[in-house]
């Protein structure tokens, strides 16, 4: 069971400092939690940013071209 150490202690003869996350047997974990020396370690919550779709591309404007074959007399 993964636990987060709150107060310095030792687990299996190995010192565990405050803030460490260690894997201990269920019996040892329950004992340390009851004594206030540890809490259950929680997995970090990963928040994914919302997906943003790119805006649709516009059609390019068509340019009016004077071909020169139209009369300019008005």
Protein backbone atom coordinates (compact mmCIF):
# COMPACT_ATOMS: atom_id res chain seq x y z
CA UNK A 1 0.00 0.00 0.00
CA UNK A 2 1.39 3.40 -0.92
CA UNK A 3 1.47 5.91 1.95
CA UNK A 4 2.78 9.43 2.34
CA UNK A 5 4.87 10.00 5.45
CA UNK A 6 3.87 12.96 7.64
CA UNK A 7 6.39 12.54 10.49
CA UNK A 8 9.84 11.00 10.34
CA UNK A 9 9.78 7.29 11.12
CA UNK A 10 11.35 4.07 9.90
CA UNK A 11 9.83 1.30 7.83
CA UNK A 12 11.61 -2.07 7.73
CA UNK A 13 14.59 -0.39 9.42
CA UNK A 14 14.89 2.21 6.66
CA UNK A 15 14.40 5.84 7.67
CA UNK A 16 11.45 7.56 6.00
CA UNK A 17 11.35 11.34 6.02
CA UNK A 18 8.31 13.60 6.01
CA UNK A 19 6.93 14.02 2.49
CA UNK A 20 8.23 10.69 1.18
CA UNK A 21 5.84 8.31 -0.56
CA UNK A 22 6.69 4.72 0.28
CA UNK A 23 5.25 1.28 -0.35
CA UNK A 24 4.54 -0.57 2.92
CA UNK A 25 2.68 -3.71 3.88
CA UNK A 26 -1.01 -3.27 4.71
CA UNK A 27 -0.40 -3.90 8.42
CA UNK A 28 2.45 -1.36 8.64
CA UNK A 29 0.49 1.19 6.61
CA UNK A 30 -2.59 0.90 8.85
CA UNK A 31 -0.40 1.17 11.96
CA UNK A 32 1.34 4.34 10.73
CA UNK A 33 -1.96 5.89 9.61
CA UNK A 34 -3.57 5.19 13.00
CA UNK A 35 -0.58 6.77 14.78
CA UNK A 36 -0.86 9.90 12.63
CA UNK A 37 2.53 9.40 11.01
CA UNK A 38 1.22 8.74 7.49
CA UNK A 39 -1.76 9.12 5.17
CA UNK A 40 -2.82 7.18 2.11
CA UNK A 41 -0.99 8.41 -0.95
CA UNK A 42 -3.32 9.63 -3.65
CA UNK A 43 -2.50 9.53 -7.32
CA UNK A 44 -2.06 13.00 -8.81
CA UNK A 45 -5.03 14.11 -10.86
CA UNK A 46 -4.08 14.97 -14.41
CA UNK A 47 -6.25 17.68 -15.90
CA UNK A 48 -6.14 17.77 -19.65
CA UNK A 49 -6.76 21.10 -21.35
CA UNK A 50 -9.88 21.15 -23.48
CA UNK A 51 -9.26 20.42 -27.11
CA UNK A 52 -9.70 23.44 -29.35
CA UNK A 53 -10.41 22.92 -33.00
CA UNK A 54 -8.92 25.29 -35.51
CA UNK A 55 -11.49 27.55 -37.14
CA UNK A 56 -12.56 26.57 -40.64
CA UNK A 57 -10.52 28.24 -43.34
CA UNK A 58 -12.31 30.73 -45.54
CA UNK A 59 -12.44 30.44 -49.27
CA UNK A 60 -10.09 32.95 -50.85
CA UNK A 61 -11.75 35.92 -52.47
CA UNK A 62 -11.88 35.87 -56.23
CA UNK A 63 -10.44 38.90 -57.86
CA UNK A 64 -12.36 40.51 -60.73
CA UNK A 65 -9.99 40.74 -63.67
CA UNK A 66 -10.68 43.15 -66.54
CA UNK A 67 -9.54 41.23 -69.62
CA UNK A 68 -9.36 44.32 -71.73
CA UNK A 69 -11.82 43.06 -74.30
CA UNK A 70 -14.73 44.98 -72.83
CA UNK A 71 -15.44 48.41 -74.22
CA UNK A 72 -14.86 51.31 -71.89
CA UNK A 73 -17.33 53.59 -73.74
CA UNK A 74 -20.25 54.55 -71.62
